[in-house]
Protein backbone atom coordinates (compact mmCIF):
# COMPACT_ATOMS: atom_id res chain seq x y z
CA MET A 1 -0.12 -0.22 0.02
CA LYS A 2 1.52 3.06 -0.81
CA SER A 3 2.15 5.48 2.27
CA THR A 4 3.27 9.24 2.32
CA ILE A 5 6.14 8.06 4.88
CA PRO A 6 9.30 8.72 3.56
CA GLU A 7 11.62 5.60 3.07
CA ALA A 8 14.42 7.07 4.67
CA GLY A 9 14.98 9.50 7.11
CA ALA A 10 14.36 12.68 5.80
CA PRO A 11 12.84 15.04 8.19
CA ILE A 12 9.67 16.79 7.70
CA ALA A 13 10.31 20.43 6.17
CA GLN A 14 9.42 22.95 8.45
CA SER A 15 7.85 26.19 7.57
CA ALA A 16 9.89 28.56 5.70
CA SER A 17 7.81 31.71 6.78
CA GLY A 18 9.69 33.97 9.34
CA ASN A 19 6.26 34.12 11.64
CA GLY A 20 8.46 32.39 14.68
CA ILE A 21 8.99 29.09 16.59
CA ASP A 22 5.39 28.49 17.12
CA ARG A 23 4.24 28.26 14.06
CA GLN A 24 7.02 26.13 12.82
CA GLU A 25 6.21 23.61 15.77
CA ALA A 26 2.77 23.86 14.79
CA SER A 27 3.65 23.02 11.36
CA LEU A 28 5.94 20.02 12.25
CA HIS A 29 3.03 18.51 14.72
CA GLY A 30 0.33 18.41 11.96
CA GLU A 31 2.49 17.38 9.12
CA THR A 32 3.51 14.39 11.42
CA LEU A 33 -0.30 13.98 12.22
CA LEU A 34 -1.10 13.45 8.68
CA ARG A 35 1.62 11.59 7.84
CA LEU A 36 1.35 9.12 10.86
CA ARG A 37 -3.13 8.56 10.81
CA ASP A 38 -2.33 7.77 6.76
CA TYR A 39 0.57 5.00 7.74
CA VAL A 40 -2.05 3.27 10.33
CA VAL A 41 -5.15 3.50 8.46
CA GLU A 42 -2.91 1.97 5.57
CA GLY A 43 -2.44 -0.72 7.99
CA ASN A 44 1.08 -0.75 7.74
CA ILE A 45 1.56 -1.81 11.21
CA PRO A 46 -0.53 -4.68 12.35
CA GLU A 47 -3.79 -4.86 14.08
CA GLY A 48 -3.06 -5.28 17.92
CA ALA A 49 0.98 -4.76 16.97
CA ARG A 50 2.74 -2.41 19.14
CA VAL A 51 3.69 1.22 17.48
CA PRO A 52 7.28 1.00 16.63
CA GLU A 53 7.94 4.41 18.05
CA ARG A 54 12.04 4.10 17.64
CA GLN A 55 11.65 3.24 13.70
CA LEU A 56 9.07 5.86 12.94
CA CYS A 57 10.96 8.23 14.48
CA GLN A 58 13.89 7.39 12.25
CA MET A 59 11.23 7.17 8.98
CA LEU A 60 9.76 10.84 9.71
CA GLY A 61 13.09 12.04 10.93
CA ILE A 62 11.66 13.66 14.01
CA SER A 63 12.48 13.07 17.97
CA ARG A 64 10.35 11.04 20.33
CA THR A 65 8.36 14.39 21.61
CA PRO A 66 6.53 14.81 18.23
CA LEU A 67 5.91 11.57 17.59
CA ARG A 68 4.10 10.88 21.40
CA GLU A 69 1.91 14.53 20.79
CA ALA A 70 0.82 12.85 17.42
CA LEU A 71 -0.01 9.33 19.09
CA LYS A 72 -2.17 10.67 21.46
CA VAL A 73 -4.15 12.50 19.06
CA LEU A 74 -4.62 8.86 17.23
CA ALA A 75 -5.43 7.66 20.55
CA ALA A 76 -8.23 10.05 21.05
CA GLU A 77 -9.55 9.31 17.45
CA GLY A 78 -9.76 5.65 18.17
CA LEU A 79 -6.74 4.37 16.17
CA ILE A 80 -4.78 3.40 18.77
CA GLU A 81 -4.30 2.57 22.50
CA LEU A 82 -2.09 4.37 24.67
CA LEU A 83 -0.51 1.82 27.20
CA PRO A 84 0.53 2.53 30.79
CA ASN A 85 4.46 3.13 30.69
CA ARG A 86 4.16 0.47 27.26
CA GLY A 87 4.04 2.73 24.47
CA ALA A 88 1.40 2.03 22.39
CA ARG A 89 -0.73 -0.44 20.17
CA ILE A 90 -3.12 -0.66 16.53
CA ARG A 91 -6.50 -1.07 18.06
CA GLN A 92 -8.07 -4.33 17.20
CA LEU A 93 -11.82 -4.69 16.50
CA SER A 94 -13.89 -7.67 17.08
CA GLN A 95 -16.76 -8.19 14.32
CA ARG A 96 -19.05 -7.39 17.25
CA ASP A 97 -16.83 -3.88 17.28
CA LEU A 98 -17.40 -3.40 13.59
CA GLU A 99 -21.00 -4.25 13.59
CA GLU A 100 -21.84 -1.71 16.15
CA LEU A 101 -19.42 0.94 15.05
CA PHE A 102 -20.70 0.60 11.20
CA ASP A 103 -24.70 0.37 12.02
CA VAL A 104 -24.11 3.51 14.68
CA MET A 105 -21.81 5.15 11.62
CA ALA A 106 -25.19 3.90 9.08
CA GLY A 107 -27.47 5.76 11.09
CA LEU A 108 -25.55 9.24 11.87
CA GLU A 109 -24.79 9.16 7.85
CA SER A 110 -28.16 8.46 7.16
CA LEU A 111 -29.45 11.28 9.20
CA ALA A 112 -27.04 13.80 8.12
CA GLY A 113 -28.05 13.14 4.29
CA ARG A 114 -32.05 13.83 4.98
CA LEU A 115 -30.66 17.05 6.97
CA ALA A 116 -28.02 17.96 4.50
CA CYS A 117 -30.86 18.11 1.71
CA GLU A 118 -32.55 20.42 4.02
CA ALA A 119 -29.98 23.17 4.22
CA ILE A 120 -27.40 22.58 1.86
CA THR A 121 -26.50 25.28 -0.59
CA ASP A 122 -25.90 25.10 -4.05
CA GLU A 123 -21.94 26.14 -3.91
CA GLU A 124 -21.72 23.23 -1.36
CA ILE A 125 -23.35 21.09 -4.08
CA VAL A 126 -21.17 22.35 -6.86
CA GLU A 127 -17.78 21.53 -4.26
CA ILE A 128 -19.37 17.86 -3.41
CA GLU A 129 -19.52 17.16 -7.21
CA ARG A 130 -15.94 18.71 -7.67
CA LEU A 131 -14.67 15.88 -4.92
CA HIS A 132 -16.39 13.16 -6.36
CA TYR A 133 -14.94 13.84 -10.08
CA LYS A 134 -11.74 14.02 -8.55
CA MET A 135 -12.08 10.86 -6.52
CA TYR A 136 -13.86 9.21 -9.57
CA GLY A 137 -10.29 9.91 -11.20
CA HIS A 138 -7.97 8.61 -8.15
CA TYR A 139 -10.74 5.25 -9.06
CA LEU A 140 -9.89 4.95 -12.95
CA HIS A 141 -5.78 5.38 -11.78
CA ARG A 142 -6.44 2.42 -8.86
CA ASP A 143 -4.91 5.58 -6.30
CA MET A 144 -6.26 4.23 -3.15
CA GLN A 145 -4.80 6.27 -0.82
CA GLY A 146 -6.09 9.87 -3.07
CA TYR A 147 -9.34 8.01 -3.11
CA PHE A 148 -9.76 7.55 0.51
CA GLN A 149 -8.94 10.96 1.31
CA ILE A 150 -10.87 12.61 -0.51
CA ASN A 151 -14.11 10.19 -0.33
CA GLN A 152 -13.80 11.15 3.48
CA ARG A 153 -13.97 14.83 2.39
CA ILE A 154 -16.87 14.07 0.70
CA HIS A 155 -18.71 12.34 3.83
CA GLU A 156 -17.55 15.19 5.84
CA SER A 157 -19.17 17.57 3.56
CA ILE A 158 -22.60 16.17 3.68
CA VAL A 159 -22.38 15.98 7.82
CA THR A 160 -21.03 19.66 7.54
CA ALA A 161 -24.17 20.68 5.53
CA ALA A 162 -26.60 19.13 7.89
CA ARG A 163 -25.96 22.22 9.96
CA ASN A 164 -25.99 20.31 13.47
CA GLU A 165 -22.80 20.46 15.47
CA THR A 166 -24.44 17.48 18.04
CA LEU A 167 -24.51 15.57 14.88
CA ARG A 168 -20.80 16.61 13.30
CA THR A 169 -19.35 16.11 16.70
CA ALA A 170 -20.52 12.74 17.30
CA TYR A 171 -20.01 11.57 13.58
CA ALA A 172 -16.22 12.92 14.31
CA ASN A 173 -15.94 10.63 17.15
CA PHE A 174 -17.50 7.15 15.54
CA ALA A 175 -15.54 8.31 11.98
CA GLY A 176 -11.76 7.69 13.93
CA ARG A 177 -12.33 4.55 15.32
CA ILE A 178 -13.39 2.82 11.90
CA ARG A 179 -10.95 4.93 9.59
CA ARG A 180 -8.70 2.18 9.53
CA VAL A 181 -11.19 -0.76 8.54
CA ARG A 182 -13.33 2.07 6.39
CA TYR A 183 -10.08 2.08 4.07
CA SER A 184 -9.28 -1.63 4.17
CA ALA A 185 -12.60 -2.55 3.22
CA ASN A 186 -12.27 -1.47 -0.23
CA PHE A 187 -9.79 -4.44 -0.69
CA ALA A 188 -12.44 -7.22 0.30
CA ARG A 189 -11.98 -9.24 -2.30
CA LYS A 190 -15.54 -11.42 -2.63
CA ARG A 191 -17.44 -8.10 -3.16
CA GLN A 192 -15.35 -6.28 -5.48
CA ARG A 193 -16.06 -3.48 -2.69
CA TRP A 194 -14.12 -0.50 -4.57
CA ALA A 195 -16.24 -1.01 -7.91
CA GLU A 196 -19.67 -1.26 -6.10
CA ALA A 197 -18.66 1.90 -3.43
CA MET A 198 -18.24 4.16 -6.64
CA ARG A 199 -21.44 3.34 -7.93
CA GLU A 200 -23.19 3.74 -4.65
CA HIS A 201 -21.11 7.61 -4.65
CA GLU A 202 -23.34 8.05 -7.92
CA ALA A 203 -26.26 7.48 -6.22
CA ILE A 204 -25.34 9.65 -3.34
CA LEU A 205 -24.97 12.84 -5.47
CA ASP A 206 -27.51 12.19 -7.65
CA ALA A 207 -29.88 12.25 -5.02
CA LEU A 208 -28.32 15.31 -3.23
CA ARG A 209 -28.52 16.96 -6.14
CA ARG A 210 -32.27 16.98 -6.22
CA ARG A 211 -32.09 17.23 -2.38
CA ALA A 212 -33.88 14.10 -2.01
CA GLY A 213 -33.99 13.60 1.61
CA SER A 214 -35.45 10.62 1.88
CA GLU A 215 -33.84 9.44 -0.62
CA LEU A 216 -29.94 9.93 0.41
CA SER A 217 -30.71 8.81 3.79
CA ASP A 218 -31.79 5.17 2.62
CA ILE A 219 -28.67 4.95 0.49
CA LEU A 220 -26.02 6.67 2.57
CA PHE A 221 -27.43 3.74 5.43
CA GLN A 222 -27.06 1.24 2.65
CA HIS A 223 -23.98 2.35 1.89
CA LEU A 224 -22.24 2.12 5.53
CA ARG A 225 -24.24 -1.37 5.91
CA ASN A 226 -22.33 -2.64 2.57
CA LYS A 227 -18.93 -1.41 3.86
CA ARG A 228 -19.69 -3.05 7.12
CA THR A 229 -20.15 -6.62 5.36
CA ALA A 230 -16.72 -6.03 3.23
CA ALA A 231 -15.16 -5.18 6.48
CA ILE A 232 -15.81 -8.00 8.13
CA GLU A 233 -14.82 -10.02 4.63
CA HIS A 234 -11.89 -8.35 4.83
CA LEU A 235 -10.77 -8.41 8.23
CA ALA A 236 -11.52 -12.56 8.52
CA GLU A 237 -10.00 -12.79 5.07
CA ALA A 238 -6.76 -10.95 7.05
CA ARG A 239 -6.86 -13.35 10.07
CA ASP A 240 -7.45 -16.36 7.54
CA ALA A 241 -4.05 -15.23 4.97
CA THR A 242 -2.36 -14.50 8.95
CA ALA A 243 -3.27 -18.15 10.22
CA ALA A 244 -2.09 -19.86 7.39
CA THR A 245 1.51 -18.28 7.03
CA ALA A 246 1.64 -18.84 10.85
CA ALA A 247 0.87 -22.23 9.99
CA GLU A 248 3.41 -22.66 7.48
CA GLY A 249 5.71 -21.19 9.34
């Protein structure tokens, strides 16, 4: 899987502006967080495994302090677990965890779609259209990382258009916890999930353009249900592959 983490220890470029150390530190923290999040979401560290802090510091060209600050954010997002005096590990989700989390997300996105159709502006629809076609370009080029990043922006834009801060806060909380499996679900072999998801996004855009709230609500709910099925299938495939490798060893 493609990653934004450099292969060697090239340090992350700091801000070239002359606005002081605070801005440089904020820029460094933000870029560290983005790259580390991508690295975890893309499955470069196995679920349940310890986070290799020394290796990541070398790869990112940073010290332990900014790395650990970024790890705290990922822990708050639900991607990792912090272990008292023992570093951190990738959060491991059971099938039941996935079922419950995706059902909650399906309900939140379904509600967001209905509310968004009541409040969204023409300008917001145009921006979501632009993102949709950019995402489609990544799909055609088989660029999963680019596709996923734009995909998440589309879903977040619909939630934002709902004009409900309580919903938005709840969505952000749960979205972080399943971001990793939401990414990997596109690789589920049995369902051709990536192509299926792209077709569903065509339907999402069409309903949004028509401001068909009830229809969009149903489409988004089923979209998350289908993603849940693919995520569970991919989880089973990955664990079967791990078990087979262990047996061969």
